[in-house]
Amino acid sequence: MAKPDTYVGIDKEINGGMTTIGKIIRDAWVFGIIEETETCEGWNFAGVDALLQKVNDEWDKYGCLVSYLPEDLRERHQKIHGLAIENAKKSGWSGEVETDDEK
């Protein structure tokens, strides 16, 4: 099976969007880089990589730690990522895949 040329969109992602690209998109929402309505569906992977660079630049300002975010961004992060985790669990995601190699 050939690899896709474009991204499927966070709303169509496996594991309820609990993937590396899904996290990039949610963080981009947190920092206001893209609108929360932007799913990135149809983006080429160079565009996703460019988004990653912008997200990383923002995280660098805060030492890459949620606890260093200003209160408004910390609350926004909690809301966006908390809702994503809740929805992913409803769709069957458990988080075990991310920790399987730690056993």
PDB file of N, CA and C in Angstrom:
ATOM      1  N   MET A   1       0.843  -1.174   0.000  1.00  0.00           N
ATOM      2  CA  MET A   1       0.000   0.000   0.000  1.00  0.00           C
ATOM      3  C   MET A   1       0.889   1.238   0.000  1.00  0.00           C
ATOM      4  N   ALA A   2       0.606   2.172  -0.876  1.00  0.00           N
ATOM      5  CA  ALA A   2       1.400   3.392  -1.004  1.00  0.00           C
ATOM      6  C   ALA A   2       1.093   4.356   0.142  1.00  0.00           C
ATOM      7  N   LYS A   3       2.128   5.098   0.542  1.00  0.00           N
ATOM      8  CA  LYS A   3       1.937   6.119   1.564  1.00  0.00           C
ATOM      9  C   LYS A   3       1.155   7.277   0.964  1.00  0.00           C
ATOM     10  N   PRO A   4       0.280   7.883   1.742  1.00  0.00           N
ATOM     11  CA  PRO A   4      -0.487   9.013   1.213  1.00  0.00           C
ATOM     12  C   PRO A   4       0.418  10.225   0.973  1.00  0.00           C
ATOM     13  N   ASP A   5       0.004  11.070   0.029  1.00  0.00           N
ATOM     14  CA  ASP A   5       0.745  12.289  -0.275  1.00  0.00           C
ATOM     15  C   ASP A   5       0.323  13.452   0.602  1.00  0.00           C
ATOM     16  N   THR A   6      -0.853  13.320   1.192  1.00  0.00           N
ATOM     17  CA  THR A   6      -1.382  14.397   2.020  1.00  0.00           C
ATOM     18  C   THR A   6      -1.924  13.831   3.324  1.00  0.00           C
ATOM     19  N   TYR A   7      -2.080  14.703   4.271  1.00  0.00           N
ATOM     20  CA  TYR A   7      -2.562  14.340   5.601  1.00  0.00           C
ATOM     21  C   TYR A   7      -4.089  14.187   5.576  1.00  0.00           C
ATOM     22  N   VAL A   8      -4.599  13.206   6.322  1.00  0.00           N
ATOM     23  CA  VAL A   8      -6.036  12.903   6.304  1.00  0.00           C
ATOM     24  C   VAL A   8      -6.882  13.900   7.089  1.00  0.00           C
ATOM     25  N   GLY A   9      -6.278  14.591   8.027  1.00  0.00           N
ATOM     26  CA  GLY A   9      -7.014  15.517   8.891  1.00  0.00           C
ATOM     27  C   GLY A   9      -7.122  14.956  10.292  1.00  0.00           C
ATOM     28  N   ILE A  10      -6.968  15.808  11.274  1.00  0.00           N
ATOM     29  CA  ILE A  10      -6.960  15.355  12.673  1.00  0.00           C
ATOM     30  C   ILE A  10      -8.278  14.692  13.049  1.00  0.00           C
ATOM     31  N   ASP A  11      -9.362  15.110  12.444  1.00  0.00           N
ATOM     32  CA  ASP A  11     -10.665  14.531  12.747  1.00  0.00           C
ATOM     33  C   ASP A  11     -10.855  13.143  12.143  1.00  0.00           C
ATOM     34  N   LYS A  12      -9.952  12.734  11.253  1.00  0.00           N
ATOM     35  CA  LYS A  12     -10.037  11.413  10.614  1.00  0.00           C
ATOM     36  C   LYS A  12      -8.851  10.524  10.998  1.00  0.00           C
ATOM     37  N   GLU A  13      -8.042  10.996  11.904  1.00  0.00           N
ATOM     38  CA  GLU A  13      -6.837  10.294  12.341  1.00  0.00           C
ATOM     39  C   GLU A  13      -7.154   9.018  13.097  1.00  0.00           C
ATOM     40  N   ILE A  14      -6.184   8.094  13.092  1.00  0.00           N
ATOM     41  CA  ILE A  14      -6.304   6.899  13.922  1.00  0.00           C
ATOM     42  C   ILE A  14      -6.167   7.296  15.389  1.00  0.00           C
ATOM     43  N   ASN A  15      -6.649   6.429  16.251  1.00  0.00           N
ATOM     44  CA  ASN A  15      -6.533   6.637  17.702  1.00  0.00           C
ATOM     45  C   ASN A  15      -7.090   7.978  18.162  1.00  0.00           C
ATOM     46  N   GLY A  16      -8.136   8.444  17.516  1.00  0.00           N
ATOM     47  CA  GLY A  16      -8.758   9.698  17.920  1.00  0.00           C
ATOM     48  C   GLY A  16      -7.841  10.899  17.812  1.00  0.00           C
ATOM     49  N   GLY A  17      -6.866  10.814  16.904  1.00  0.00           N
ATOM     50  CA  GLY A  17      -5.933  11.925  16.717  1.00  0.00           C
ATOM     51  C   GLY A  17      -4.793  11.930  17.720  1.00  0.00           C
ATOM     52  N   MET A  18      -4.633  10.847  18.465  1.00  0.00           N
ATOM     53  CA  MET A  18      -3.538  10.762  19.439  1.00  0.00           C
ATOM     54  C   MET A  18      -2.275  10.251  18.740  1.00  0.00           C
ATOM     55  N   THR A  19      -1.799  11.067  17.835  1.00  0.00           N
ATOM     56  CA  THR A  19      -0.596  10.754  17.069  1.00  0.00           C
ATOM     57  C   THR A  19       0.339  11.957  17.154  1.00  0.00           C
ATOM     58  N   THR A  20       1.515  11.796  16.624  1.00  0.00           N
ATOM     59  CA  THR A  20       2.475  12.902  16.626  1.00  0.00           C
ATOM     60  C   THR A  20       1.922  14.103  15.878  1.00  0.00           C
ATOM     61  N   ILE A  21       1.354  13.874  14.708  1.00  0.00           N
ATOM     62  CA  ILE A  21       0.811  14.992  13.933  1.00  0.00           C
ATOM     63  C   ILE A  21      -0.386  15.598  14.653  1.00  0.00           C
ATOM     64  N   GLY A  22      -1.209  14.769  15.263  1.00  0.00           N
ATOM     65  CA  GLY A  22      -2.342  15.283  16.023  1.00  0.00           C
ATOM     66  C   GLY A  22      -1.894  16.209  17.145  1.00  0.00           C
ATOM     67  N   LYS A  23      -0.832  15.840  17.835  1.00  0.00           N
ATOM     68  CA  LYS A  23      -0.312  16.688  18.917  1.00  0.00           C
ATOM     69  C   LYS A  23       0.207  18.009  18.364  1.00  0.00           C
ATOM     70  N   ILE A  24       0.868  17.961  17.239  1.00  0.00           N
ATOM     71  CA  ILE A  24       1.367  19.192  16.603  1.00  0.00           C
ATOM     72  C   ILE A  24       0.202  20.129  16.308  1.00  0.00           C
ATOM     73  N   ILE A  25      -0.853  19.578  15.737  1.00  0.00           N
ATOM     74  CA  ILE A  25      -2.026  20.395  15.381  1.00  0.00           C
ATOM     75  C   ILE A  25      -2.674  20.975  16.634  1.00  0.00           C
ATOM     76  N   ARG A  26      -2.863  20.142  17.662  1.00  0.00           N
ATOM     77  CA  ARG A  26      -3.469  20.660  18.896  1.00  0.00           C
ATOM     78  C   ARG A  26      -2.603  21.754  19.515  1.00  0.00           C
ATOM     79  N   ASP A  27      -1.290  21.565  19.507  1.00  0.00           N
ATOM     80  CA  ASP A  27      -0.403  22.605  20.036  1.00  0.00           C
ATOM     81  C   ASP A  27      -0.480  23.873  19.189  1.00  0.00           C
ATOM     82  N   ALA A  28      -0.628  23.720  17.886  1.00  0.00           N
ATOM     83  CA  ALA A  28      -0.782  24.894  17.013  1.00  0.00           C
ATOM     84  C   ALA A  28      -2.070  25.629  17.352  1.00  0.00           C
ATOM     85  N   TRP A  29      -3.122  24.898  17.715  1.00  0.00           N
ATOM     86  CA  TRP A  29      -4.360  25.537  18.170  1.00  0.00           C
ATOM     87  C   TRP A  29      -4.107  26.296  19.471  1.00  0.00           C
ATOM     88  N   VAL A  30      -3.398  25.650  20.402  1.00  0.00           N
ATOM     89  CA  VAL A  30      -3.110  26.283  21.694  1.00  0.00           C
ATOM     90  C   VAL A  30      -2.430  27.627  21.489  1.00  0.00           C
ATOM     91  N   PHE A  31      -1.418  27.661  20.634  1.00  0.00           N
ATOM     92  CA  PHE A  31      -0.636  28.874  20.426  1.00  0.00           C
ATOM     93  C   PHE A  31      -1.265  29.847  19.433  1.00  0.00           C
ATOM     94  N   GLY A  32      -2.407  29.477  18.857  1.00  0.00           N
ATOM     95  CA  GLY A  32      -3.080  30.371  17.918  1.00  0.00           C
ATOM     96  C   GLY A  32      -2.393  30.467  16.570  1.00  0.00           C
ATOM     97  N   ILE A  33      -1.593  29.473  16.235  1.00  0.00           N
ATOM     98  CA  ILE A  33      -0.900  29.467  14.943  1.00  0.00           C
ATOM     99  C   ILE A  33      -1.897  29.178  13.829  1.00  0.00           C
ATOM    100  N   ILE A  34      -2.823  28.274  14.110  1.00  0.00           N
ATOM    101  CA  ILE A  34      -3.934  27.983  13.195  1.00  0.00           C
ATOM    102  C   ILE A  34      -5.217  28.008  14.011  1.00  0.00           C
ATOM    103  N   GLU A  35      -6.331  28.197  13.326  1.00  0.00           N
ATOM    104  CA  GLU A  35      -7.640  28.205  13.980  1.00  0.00           C
ATOM    105  C   GLU A  35      -7.990  26.797  14.468  1.00  0.00           C
ATOM    106  N   GLU A  36      -8.756  26.713  15.538  1.00  0.00           N
ATOM    107  CA  GLU A  36      -9.172  25.409  16.056  1.00  0.00           C
ATOM    108  C   GLU A  36     -10.059  24.643  15.083  1.00  0.00           C
ATOM    109  N   THR A  37     -10.604  25.317  14.106  1.00  0.00           N
ATOM    110  CA  THR A  37     -11.417  24.653  13.090  1.00  0.00           C
ATOM    111  C   THR A  37     -10.556  24.034  11.982  1.00  0.00           C
ATOM    112  N   GLU A  38      -9.265  24.352  11.964  1.00  0.00           N
ATOM    113  CA  GLU A  38      -8.358  23.838  10.925  1.00  0.00           C
ATOM    114  C   GLU A  38      -7.957  22.408  11.277  1.00  0.00           C
ATOM    115  N   THR A  39      -8.346  21.453  10.433  1.00  0.00           N
ATOM    116  CA  THR A  39      -8.003  20.044  10.652  1.00  0.00           C
ATOM    117  C   THR A  39      -6.731  19.642   9.927  1.00  0.00           C
ATOM    118  N   CYS A  40      -6.268  20.491   9.034  1.00  0.00           N
ATOM    119  CA  CYS A  40      -5.078  20.247   8.204  1.00  0.00           C
ATOM    120  C   CYS A  40      -5.311  19.149   7.156  1.00  0.00           C
ATOM    121  N   GLU A  41      -6.559  18.792   6.946  1.00  0.00           N
ATOM    122  CA  GLU A  41      -6.876  17.807   5.914  1.00  0.00           C
ATOM    123  C   GLU A  41      -6.379  18.307   4.564  1.00  0.00           C
ATOM    124  N   GLY A  42      -5.712  17.425   3.838  1.00  0.00           N
ATOM    125  CA  GLY A  42      -5.225  17.750   2.506  1.00  0.00           C
ATOM    126  C   GLY A  42      -3.870  18.447   2.491  1.00  0.00           C
ATOM    127  N   TRP A  43      -3.321  18.761   3.661  1.00  0.00           N
ATOM    128  CA  TRP A  43      -2.004  19.393   3.710  1.00  0.00           C
ATOM    129  C   TRP A  43      -0.950  18.394   3.255  1.00  0.00           C
ATOM    130  N   ASN A  44       0.048  18.881   2.532  1.00  0.00           N
ATOM    131  CA  ASN A  44       1.176  18.000   2.237  1.00  0.00           C
ATOM    132  C   ASN A  44       2.063  17.957   3.471  1.00  0.00           C
ATOM    133  N   PHE A  45       2.955  16.985   3.516  1.00  0.00           N
ATOM    134  CA  PHE A  45       3.732  16.792   4.736  1.00  0.00           C
ATOM    135  C   PHE A  45       4.805  17.853   4.933  1.00  0.00           C
ATOM    136  N   ALA A  46       5.165  18.559   3.882  1.00  0.00           N
ATOM    137  CA  ALA A  46       6.053  19.718   4.044  1.00  0.00           C
ATOM    138  C   ALA A  46       5.333  20.814   4.827  1.00  0.00           C
ATOM    139  N   GLY A  47       4.037  20.963   4.596  1.00  0.00           N
ATOM    140  CA  GLY A  47       3.236  21.935   5.343  1.00  0.00           C
ATOM    141  C   GLY A  47       3.116  21.556   6.807  1.00  0.00           C
ATOM    142  N   VAL A  48       2.957  20.259   7.069  1.00  0.00           N
ATOM    143  CA  VAL A  48       2.892  19.783   8.457  1.00  0.00           C
ATOM    144  C   VAL A  48       4.237  20.022   9.140  1.00  0.00           C
ATOM    145  N   ASP A  49       5.327  19.769   8.412  1.00  0.00           N
ATOM    146  CA  ASP A  49       6.662  19.997   8.973  1.00  0.00           C
ATOM    147  C   ASP A  49       6.884  21.478   9.278  1.00  0.00           C
ATOM    148  N   ALA A  50       6.409  22.351   8.408  1.00  0.00           N
ATOM    149  CA  ALA A  50       6.524  23.797   8.647  1.00  0.00           C
ATOM    150  C   ALA A  50       5.714  24.194   9.892  1.00  0.00           C
ATOM    151  N   LEU A  51       4.549  23.575  10.063  1.00  0.00           N
ATOM    152  CA  LEU A  51       3.737  23.829  11.248  1.00  0.00           C
ATOM    153  C   LEU A  51       4.488  23.372  12.505  1.00  0.00           C
ATOM    154  N   LEU A  52       5.137  22.214  12.415  1.00  0.00           N
ATOM    155  CA  LEU A  52       5.931  21.708  13.535  1.00  0.00           C
ATOM    156  C   LEU A  52       7.006  22.714  13.936  1.00  0.00           C
ATOM    157  N   GLN A  53       7.666  23.303  12.969  1.00  0.00           N
ATOM    158  CA  GLN A  53       8.711  24.280  13.276  1.00  0.00           C
ATOM    159  C   GLN A  53       8.136  25.490  14.020  1.00  0.00           C
ATOM    160  N   LYS A  54       6.967  25.948  13.587  1.00  0.00           N
ATOM    161  CA  LYS A  54       6.319  27.086  14.261  1.00  0.00           C
ATOM    162  C   LYS A  54       5.913  26.721  15.693  1.00  0.00           C
ATOM    163  N   VAL A  55       5.380  25.516  15.862  1.00  0.00           N
ATOM    164  CA  VAL A  55       4.986  25.046  17.192  1.00  0.00           C
ATOM    165  C   VAL A  55       6.224  24.933  18.086  1.00  0.00           C
ATOM    166  N   ASN A  56       7.303  24.358  17.554  1.00  0.00           N
ATOM    167  CA  ASN A  56       8.536  24.229  18.335  1.00  0.00           C
ATOM    168  C   ASN A  56       9.084  25.588  18.742  1.00  0.00           C
ATOM    169  N   ASP A  57       9.009  26.566  17.850  1.00  0.00           N
ATOM    170  CA  ASP A  57       9.467  27.922  18.176  1.00  0.00           C
ATOM    171  C   ASP A  57       8.682  28.486  19.353  1.00  0.00           C
ATOM    172  N   GLU A  58       7.371  28.219  19.391  1.00  0.00           N
ATOM    173  CA  GLU A  58       6.551  28.695  20.505  1.00  0.00           C
ATOM    174  C   GLU A  58       6.915  27.963  21.796  1.00  0.00           C
ATOM    175  N   TRP A  59       7.047  26.638  21.730  1.00  0.00           N
ATOM    176  CA  TRP A  59       7.396  25.875  22.927  1.00  0.00           C
ATOM    177  C   TRP A  59       8.744  26.305  23.481  1.00  0.00           C
ATOM    178  N   ASP A  60       9.679  26.632  22.605  1.00  0.00           N
ATOM    179  CA  ASP A  60      11.008  27.067  23.051  1.00  0.00           C
ATOM    180  C   ASP A  60      10.934  28.297  23.954  1.00  0.00           C
ATOM    181  N   LYS A  61       9.944  29.140  23.735  1.00  0.00           N
ATOM    182  CA  LYS A  61       9.773  30.342  24.559  1.00  0.00           C
ATOM    183  C   LYS A  61       9.434  29.995  26.008  1.00  0.00           C
ATOM    184  N   TYR A  62       8.913  28.779  26.209  1.00  0.00           N
ATOM    185  CA  TYR A  62       8.438  28.368  27.531  1.00  0.00           C
ATOM    186  C   TYR A  62       9.167  27.124  28.031  1.00  0.00           C
ATOM    187  N   GLY A  63      10.379  26.915  27.533  1.00  0.00           N
ATOM    188  CA  GLY A  63      11.174  25.788  28.006  1.00  0.00           C
ATOM    189  C   GLY A  63      10.549  24.437  27.736  1.00  0.00           C
ATOM    190  N   CYS A  64       9.656  24.389  26.787  1.00  0.00           N
ATOM    191  CA  CYS A  64       8.969  23.145  26.392  1.00  0.00           C
ATOM    192  C   CYS A  64       8.190  22.507  27.539  1.00  0.00           C
ATOM    193  N   LEU A  65       7.755  23.312  28.489  1.00  0.00           N
ATOM    194  CA  LEU A  65       7.017  22.801  29.640  1.00  0.00           C
ATOM    195  C   LEU A  65       5.664  23.504  29.783  1.00  0.00           C
ATOM    196  N   VAL A  66       4.626  22.705  29.933  1.00  0.00           N
ATOM    197  CA  VAL A  66       3.287  23.259  30.128  1.00  0.00           C
ATOM    198  C   VAL A  66       3.266  24.152  31.367  1.00  0.00           C
ATOM    199  N   SER A  67       3.979  23.761  32.395  1.00  0.00           N
ATOM    200  CA  SER A  67       3.975  24.530  33.642  1.00  0.00           C
ATOM    201  C   SER A  67       4.569  25.928  33.482  1.00  0.00           C
ATOM    202  N   TYR A  68       5.334  26.160  32.428  1.00  0.00           N
ATOM    203  CA  TYR A  68       5.917  27.488  32.176  1.00  0.00           C
ATOM    204  C   TYR A  68       5.035  28.364  31.299  1.00  0.00           C
ATOM    205  N   LEU A  69       3.945  27.809  30.785  1.00  0.00           N
ATOM    206  CA  LEU A  69       3.045  28.609  29.965  1.00  0.00           C
ATOM    207  C   LEU A  69       2.358  29.659  30.825  1.00  0.00           C
ATOM    208  N   PRO A  70       2.076  30.827  30.252  1.00  0.00           N
ATOM    209  CA  PRO A  70       1.253  31.794  30.983  1.00  0.00           C
ATOM    210  C   PRO A  70      -0.118  31.164  31.265  1.00  0.00           C
ATOM    211  N   GLU A  71      -0.793  31.659  32.288  1.00  0.00           N
ATOM    212  CA  GLU A  71      -2.045  31.041  32.726  1.00  0.00           C
ATOM    213  C   GLU A  71      -3.052  30.848  31.590  1.00  0.00           C
ATOM    214  N   ASP A  72      -3.214  31.844  30.728  1.00  0.00           N
ATOM    215  CA  ASP A  72      -4.207  31.715  29.656  1.00  0.00           C
ATOM    216  C   ASP A  72      -3.850  30.592  28.687  1.00  0.00           C
ATOM    217  N   LEU A  73      -2.572  30.468  28.343  1.00  0.00           N
ATOM    218  CA  LEU A  73      -2.157  29.389  27.439  1.00  0.00           C
ATOM    219  C   LEU A  73      -2.216  28.033  28.133  1.00  0.00           C
ATOM    220  N   ARG A  74      -1.871  28.001  29.413  1.00  0.00           N
ATOM    221  CA  ARG A  74      -1.929  26.747  30.172  1.00  0.00           C
ATOM    222  C   ARG A  74      -3.380  26.245  30.229  1.00  0.00           C
ATOM    223  N   GLU A  75      -4.316  27.153  30.481  1.00  0.00           N
ATOM    224  CA  GLU A  75      -5.736  26.770  30.514  1.00  0.00           C
ATOM    225  C   GLU A  75      -6.206  26.310  29.140  1.00  0.00           C
ATOM    226  N   ARG A  76      -5.772  26.999  28.103  1.00  0.00           N
ATOM    227  CA  ARG A  76      -6.136  26.629  26.731  1.00  0.00           C
ATOM    228  C   ARG A  76      -5.567  25.246  26.389  1.00  0.00           C
ATOM    229  N   HIS A  77      -4.317  25.008  26.793  1.00  0.00           N
ATOM    230  CA  HIS A  77      -3.675  23.707  26.569  1.00  0.00           C
ATOM    231  C   HIS A  77      -4.475  22.612  27.266  1.00  0.00           C
ATOM    232  N   GLN A  78      -4.823  22.837  28.509  1.00  0.00           N
ATOM    233  CA  GLN A  78      -5.586  21.846  29.273  1.00  0.00           C
ATOM    234  C   GLN A  78      -6.931  21.561  28.614  1.00  0.00           C
ATOM    235  N   LYS A  79      -7.608  22.607  28.166  1.00  0.00           N
ATOM    236  CA  LYS A  79      -8.914  22.443  27.529  1.00  0.00           C
ATOM    237  C   LYS A  79      -8.792  21.641  26.231  1.00  0.00           C
ATOM    238  N   ILE A  80      -7.887  22.046  25.361  1.00  0.00           N
ATOM    239  CA  ILE A  80      -7.748  21.406  24.045  1.00  0.00           C
ATOM    240  C   ILE A  80      -7.269  19.971  24.173  1.00  0.00           C
ATOM    241  N   HIS A  81      -6.208  19.744  24.929  1.00  0.00           N
ATOM    242  CA  HIS A  81      -5.664  18.390  25.058  1.00  0.00           C
ATOM    243  C   HIS A  81      -6.560  17.513  25.932  1.00  0.00           C
ATOM    244  N   GLY A  82      -7.177  18.086  26.953  1.00  0.00           N
ATOM    245  CA  GLY A  82      -8.092  17.319  27.788  1.00  0.00           C
ATOM    246  C   GLY A  82      -9.284  16.796  27.008  1.00  0.00           C
ATOM    247  N   LEU A  83      -9.869  17.652  26.189  1.00  0.00           N
ATOM    248  CA  LEU A  83     -10.996  17.240  25.353  1.00  0.00           C
ATOM    249  C   LEU A  83     -10.569  16.184  24.342  1.00  0.00           C
ATOM    250  N   ALA A  84      -9.378  16.337  23.781  1.00  0.00           N
ATOM    251  CA  ALA A  84      -8.874  15.360  22.811  1.00  0.00           C
ATOM    252  C   ALA A  84      -8.689  13.996  23.462  1.00  0.00           C
ATOM    253  N   ILE A  85      -8.145  13.971  24.667  1.00  0.00           N
ATOM    254  CA  ILE A  85      -7.957  12.703  25.379  1.00  0.00           C
ATOM    255  C   ILE A  85      -9.309  12.065  25.691  1.00  0.00           C
ATOM    256  N   GLU A  86     -10.237  12.863  26.167  1.00  0.00           N
ATOM    257  CA  GLU A  86     -11.582  12.371  26.478  1.00  0.00           C
ATOM    258  C   GLU A  86     -12.237  11.761  25.235  1.00  0.00           C
ATOM    259  N   ASN A  87     -12.175  12.460  24.108  1.00  0.00           N
ATOM    260  CA  ASN A  87     -12.781  11.965  22.869  1.00  0.00           C
ATOM    261  C   ASN A  87     -12.059  10.731  22.339  1.00  0.00           C
ATOM    262  N   ALA A  88     -10.738  10.706  22.459  1.00  0.00           N
ATOM    263  CA  ALA A  88      -9.973   9.549  21.981  1.00  0.00           C
ATOM    264  C   ALA A  88     -10.314   8.304  22.802  1.00  0.00           C
ATOM    265  N   LYS A  89     -10.474   8.477  24.104  1.00  0.00           N
ATOM    266  CA  LYS A  89     -10.852   7.336  24.947  1.00  0.00           C
ATOM    267  C   LYS A  89     -12.223   6.809  24.561  1.00  0.00           C
ATOM    268  N   LYS A  90     -13.144   7.710  24.230  1.00  0.00           N
ATOM    269  CA  LYS A  90     -14.482   7.295  23.795  1.00  0.00           C
ATOM    270  C   LYS A  90     -14.414   6.485  22.506  1.00  0.00           C
ATOM    271  N   SER A  91     -13.399   6.763  21.671  1.00  0.00           N
ATOM    272  CA  SER A  91     -13.273   6.040  20.405  1.00  0.00           C
ATOM    273  C   SER A  91     -12.410   4.788  20.535  1.00  0.00           C
ATOM    274  N   GLY A  92     -12.015   4.450  21.783  1.00  0.00           N
ATOM    275  CA  GLY A  92     -11.288   3.207  22.008  1.00  0.00           C
ATOM    276  C   GLY A  92      -9.800   3.357  22.273  1.00  0.00           C
ATOM    277  N   TRP A  93      -9.262   4.551  22.202  1.00  0.00           N
ATOM    278  CA  TRP A  93      -7.841   4.761  22.477  1.00  0.00           C
ATOM    279  C   TRP A  93      -7.600   4.622  23.974  1.00  0.00           C
ATOM    280  N   SER A  94      -6.504   3.960  24.344  1.00  0.00           N
ATOM    281  CA  SER A  94      -6.209   3.783  25.768  1.00  0.00           C
ATOM    282  C   SER A  94      -4.881   4.388  26.178  1.00  0.00           C
ATOM    283  N   GLY A  95      -4.031   4.703  25.215  1.00  0.00           N
ATOM    284  CA  GLY A  95      -2.722   5.244  25.536  1.00  0.00           C
ATOM    285  C   GLY A  95      -1.662   4.173  25.700  1.00  0.00           C
ATOM    286  N   GLU A  96      -2.056   2.916  25.656  1.00  0.00           N
ATOM    287  CA  GLU A  96      -1.100   1.833  25.851  1.00  0.00           C
ATOM    288  C   GLU A  96      -0.057   1.758  24.751  1.00  0.00           C
ATOM    289  N   VAL A  97      -0.421   2.103  23.534  1.00  0.00           N
ATOM    290  CA  VAL A  97       0.524   2.046  22.418  1.00  0.00           C
ATOM    291  C   VAL A  97       1.733   2.941  22.697  1.00  0.00           C
ATOM    292  N   GLU A  98       1.490   4.078  23.312  1.00  0.00           N
ATOM    293  CA  GLU A  98       2.552   5.032  23.591  1.00  0.00           C
ATOM    294  C   GLU A  98       3.501   4.541  24.667  1.00  0.00           C
ATOM    295  N   THR A  99       3.068   3.583  25.498  1.00  0.00           N
ATOM    296  CA  THR A  99       3.917   3.121  26.605  1.00  0.00           C
ATOM    297  C   THR A  99       4.309   1.650  26.476  1.00  0.00           C
ATOM    298  N   ASP A 100       3.947   0.995  25.378  1.00  0.00           N
ATOM    299  CA  ASP A 100       4.273  -0.414  25.202  1.00  0.00           C
ATOM    300  C   ASP A 100       5.753  -0.729  25.324  1.00  0.00           C
ATOM    301  N   ASP A 101       6.601   0.174  24.850  1.00  0.00           N
ATOM    302  CA  ASP A 101       8.042  -0.088  24.878  1.00  0.00           C
ATOM    303  C   ASP A 101       8.667   0.154  26.246  1.00  0.00           C
ATOM    304  N   GLU A 102       7.884   0.587  27.204  1.00  0.00           N
ATOM    305  CA  GLU A 102       8.386   0.876  28.539  1.00  0.00           C
ATOM    306  C   GLU A 102       8.269  -0.327  29.468  1.00  0.00           C
ATOM    307  N   LYS A 103       7.748  -1.428  28.971  1.00  0.00           N
ATOM    308  CA  LYS A 103       7.536  -2.622  29.815  1.00  0.00           C
ATOM    309  C   LYS A 103       8.767  -3.484  29.842  1.00  0.00           C
TER     310      LYS A 103
END
